[in-house]
Amino acid sequence: MESFTEWIQSYPNDEKAVNNFGSLYGDVCRYEQAIAKFMEARRMDPGDVIPQENLVELLPAIGKFDEGRATYEQMLRNGLDDDTPHVNMFSIAFHQNDEKEMARQIAWFDEKPNLRHEILSEEADAAAYGGHLARAHELTQQAVQSALAVGNKEQAAVWLLNAAWREQLSRLRPTVAKAKL
């Protein structure tokens, strides 16, 4: 954190330093401070998509789903579009039981085969949350194949690790339930 403080002091008009400081706060689960930094970075450069997509991701982490959605919608109105806000909007819609919005986000990725694996992984997580583990496994395999098809071996590995973690958690569910008795 000291490095970011020095960076900001040395270059007070560099919104990337402020945004990166926000990312560091987010990495250590200091969400309120992260959000404050992302908002500051957005004020410094309203045309930079990164601080705004970070807000779409982290506002829901503190229960501000509607603010995350509003930030996403404002981004689109301002012509700022990228894959990450669509993934995060899918997650917001999932938490708000908004199936229509989830479908809209899935459709956005249908036209982008090089990014399709991202939403397939999100769909897998949503299926697993609903107890549909076989469907989650199937969607994960599709995400892996989609990533491999565009030469993204690293992301394919991430989807496999995510699935392994998710499957291990599902195996532990009965043990956790017993411990709560």
Protein backbone atom coordinates (compact mmCIF):
# COMPACT_ATOMS: atom_id res chain seq x y z
CA MET A 1 0.00 0.00 0.00
CA GLU A 2 2.96 2.25 0.62
CA SER A 3 3.97 1.99 -3.05
CA PHE A 4 0.54 3.11 -4.23
CA THR A 5 0.53 6.01 -1.77
CA GLU A 6 3.91 7.13 -3.12
CA TRP A 7 2.71 6.68 -6.71
CA ILE A 8 -0.36 8.84 -6.06
CA GLN A 9 1.73 11.49 -4.28
CA SER A 10 4.20 11.58 -7.17
CA TYR A 11 1.54 11.58 -9.89
CA PRO A 12 -1.64 13.06 -8.37
CA ASN A 13 -3.45 13.18 -11.73
CA ASP A 14 -2.81 9.53 -12.62
CA GLU A 15 -6.13 7.76 -12.19
CA LYS A 16 -4.49 4.41 -12.87
CA ALA A 17 -2.61 4.70 -9.58
CA VAL A 18 -5.86 5.43 -7.75
CA ASN A 19 -7.65 2.57 -9.51
CA ASN A 20 -4.83 0.12 -8.80
CA PHE A 21 -4.87 1.16 -5.15
CA GLY A 22 -8.59 0.35 -5.18
CA SER A 23 -7.86 -3.06 -6.65
CA LEU A 24 -5.40 -3.74 -3.85
CA TYR A 25 -8.04 -2.82 -1.28
CA GLY A 26 -10.47 -5.16 -3.05
CA ASP A 27 -7.93 -7.98 -3.00
CA VAL A 28 -7.75 -7.77 0.79
CA CYS A 29 -11.55 -7.50 1.17
CA ARG A 30 -11.55 -3.84 2.15
CA TYR A 31 -14.46 -3.21 -0.19
CA GLU A 32 -15.62 0.18 1.07
CA GLN A 33 -12.12 1.61 0.62
CA ALA A 34 -11.79 -0.07 -2.78
CA ILE A 35 -15.09 1.40 -3.94
CA ALA A 36 -14.05 4.87 -2.77
CA LYS A 37 -10.84 4.60 -4.82
CA PHE A 38 -12.72 3.34 -7.89
CA MET A 39 -15.17 6.24 -7.62
CA GLU A 40 -12.28 8.67 -7.34
CA ALA A 41 -10.60 7.12 -10.40
CA ARG A 42 -13.89 7.33 -12.32
CA ARG A 43 -14.18 11.04 -11.46
CA MET A 44 -10.61 11.57 -12.66
CA ASP A 45 -11.24 9.86 -16.02
CA PRO A 46 -14.90 9.14 -16.80
CA GLY A 47 -13.86 7.57 -20.11
CA ASP A 48 -11.79 4.79 -18.55
CA VAL A 49 -13.77 1.56 -18.44
CA ILE A 50 -11.62 -0.14 -15.77
CA PRO A 51 -12.67 1.74 -12.60
CA GLN A 52 -16.29 1.50 -13.67
CA GLU A 53 -16.21 -2.23 -14.29
CA ASN A 54 -14.51 -2.57 -10.91
CA LEU A 55 -17.49 -0.75 -9.37
CA VAL A 56 -19.92 -3.10 -11.13
CA GLU A 57 -18.01 -5.99 -9.57
CA LEU A 58 -17.56 -4.67 -6.02
CA LEU A 59 -20.74 -2.73 -5.27
CA PRO A 60 -22.69 -6.02 -5.06
CA ALA A 61 -20.04 -7.38 -2.67
CA ILE A 62 -21.33 -4.92 -0.08
CA GLY A 63 -24.97 -5.55 -0.96
CA LYS A 64 -25.39 -2.61 -3.34
CA PHE A 65 -26.78 -4.61 -6.25
CA ASP A 66 -28.93 -1.77 -7.58
CA GLU A 67 -25.95 0.60 -7.60
CA GLY A 68 -23.90 -2.02 -9.44
CA ARG A 69 -26.67 -2.37 -12.00
CA ALA A 70 -26.97 1.42 -12.35
CA THR A 71 -23.22 1.73 -12.89
CA TYR A 72 -23.40 -0.96 -15.59
CA GLU A 73 -26.29 0.82 -17.33
CA GLN A 74 -24.48 4.18 -17.15
CA MET A 75 -21.39 2.59 -18.70
CA LEU A 76 -23.42 1.38 -21.66
CA ARG A 77 -25.11 4.77 -22.06
CA ASN A 78 -21.63 6.33 -22.17
CA GLY A 79 -20.44 3.87 -24.81
CA LEU A 80 -18.12 2.02 -22.43
CA ASP A 81 -18.44 -1.67 -23.13
CA ASP A 82 -16.24 -4.61 -22.25
CA ASP A 83 -16.72 -8.25 -21.33
CA THR A 84 -16.14 -7.93 -17.59
CA PRO A 85 -19.20 -5.75 -16.83
CA HIS A 86 -21.38 -8.27 -18.65
CA VAL A 87 -20.04 -11.12 -16.51
CA ASN A 88 -20.65 -9.04 -13.40
CA MET A 89 -24.13 -8.02 -14.57
CA PHE A 90 -24.97 -11.72 -15.00
CA SER A 91 -23.95 -12.22 -11.37
CA ILE A 92 -26.04 -9.25 -10.21
CA ALA A 93 -29.03 -10.56 -12.16
CA PHE A 94 -28.53 -14.02 -10.66
CA HIS A 95 -28.57 -12.62 -7.12
CA GLN A 96 -31.69 -10.62 -7.94
CA ASN A 97 -33.43 -13.61 -9.57
CA ASP A 98 -33.65 -11.70 -12.84
CA GLU A 99 -33.67 -14.50 -15.41
CA LYS A 100 -34.44 -12.14 -18.27
CA GLU A 101 -31.28 -10.10 -17.58
CA MET A 102 -29.23 -13.28 -17.16
CA ALA A 103 -30.41 -14.44 -20.59
CA ARG A 104 -29.58 -11.03 -22.07
CA GLN A 105 -26.02 -11.26 -20.74
CA ILE A 106 -25.62 -14.81 -22.07
CA ALA A 107 -26.82 -13.59 -25.48
CA TRP A 108 -24.20 -10.81 -25.46
CA PHE A 109 -21.49 -13.48 -25.28
CA ASP A 110 -23.08 -15.61 -28.03
CA GLU A 111 -21.71 -13.15 -30.59
CA LYS A 112 -18.20 -13.28 -29.11
CA PRO A 113 -16.75 -16.79 -29.37
CA ASN A 114 -13.37 -15.67 -28.03
CA LEU A 115 -15.06 -14.64 -24.75
CA ARG A 116 -17.88 -17.19 -24.54
CA HIS A 117 -16.00 -19.28 -21.96
CA GLU A 118 -16.38 -16.47 -19.40
CA ILE A 119 -20.17 -16.60 -19.28
CA LEU A 120 -20.23 -20.39 -19.47
CA SER A 121 -18.24 -20.51 -16.25
CA GLU A 122 -20.67 -18.06 -14.60
CA GLU A 123 -23.58 -20.20 -15.77
CA ALA A 124 -21.86 -23.24 -14.24
CA ASP A 125 -21.56 -21.46 -10.89
CA ALA A 126 -25.23 -20.47 -11.02
CA ALA A 127 -26.27 -24.05 -11.83
CA ALA A 128 -24.18 -25.40 -8.96
CA TYR A 129 -25.68 -22.88 -6.55
CA GLY A 130 -29.10 -24.21 -7.51
CA GLY A 131 -27.95 -27.76 -6.76
CA HIS A 132 -27.66 -28.76 -10.43
CA LEU A 133 -24.17 -30.20 -10.17
CA ALA A 134 -24.35 -32.33 -13.32
CA ARG A 135 -25.39 -29.26 -15.33
CA ALA A 136 -22.61 -27.25 -13.67
CA HIS A 137 -20.10 -29.92 -14.69
CA GLU A 138 -21.40 -29.87 -18.27
CA LEU A 139 -21.19 -26.07 -18.46
CA THR A 140 -17.68 -26.12 -17.02
CA GLN A 141 -16.60 -28.58 -19.71
CA GLN A 142 -18.09 -26.25 -22.32
CA ALA A 143 -16.22 -23.31 -20.77
CA VAL A 144 -12.95 -25.25 -20.85
CA GLN A 145 -13.46 -26.32 -24.46
CA SER A 146 -14.45 -22.79 -25.45
CA ALA A 147 -11.31 -21.34 -23.85
CA LEU A 148 -9.10 -23.99 -25.46
CA ALA A 149 -10.70 -23.37 -28.86
CA VAL A 150 -9.43 -19.79 -28.77
CA GLY A 151 -6.00 -20.75 -27.42
CA ASN A 152 -6.61 -19.62 -23.86
CA LYS A 153 -5.08 -22.53 -21.95
CA GLU A 154 -4.57 -20.52 -18.77
CA GLN A 155 -8.24 -19.62 -18.49
CA ALA A 156 -9.25 -23.20 -19.25
CA ALA A 157 -7.12 -24.25 -16.29
CA VAL A 158 -8.80 -21.61 -14.10
CA TRP A 159 -12.24 -22.98 -15.02
CA LEU A 160 -11.09 -26.50 -14.10
CA LEU A 161 -9.73 -25.28 -10.76
CA ASN A 162 -12.96 -23.41 -10.09
CA ALA A 163 -14.95 -26.57 -10.82
CA ALA A 164 -12.73 -28.67 -8.54
CA TRP A 165 -13.19 -26.16 -5.73
CA ARG A 166 -16.95 -26.05 -6.30
CA GLU A 167 -17.23 -29.85 -6.35
CA GLN A 168 -15.18 -30.18 -3.16
CA LEU A 169 -17.45 -27.67 -1.44
CA SER A 170 -20.51 -29.67 -2.47
CA ARG A 171 -18.95 -32.80 -0.93
CA LEU A 172 -18.38 -30.92 2.33
CA ARG A 173 -21.93 -29.61 2.55
CA PRO A 174 -23.25 -32.57 4.64
CA THR A 175 -20.32 -32.26 7.06
CA VAL A 176 -20.95 -28.55 7.48
CA ALA A 177 -24.67 -29.17 8.01
CA LYS A 178 -23.91 -31.70 10.78
CA ALA A 179 -21.50 -29.29 12.46
CA LYS A 180 -24.25 -26.68 12.76
CA LEU A 181 -26.43 -29.03 14.84
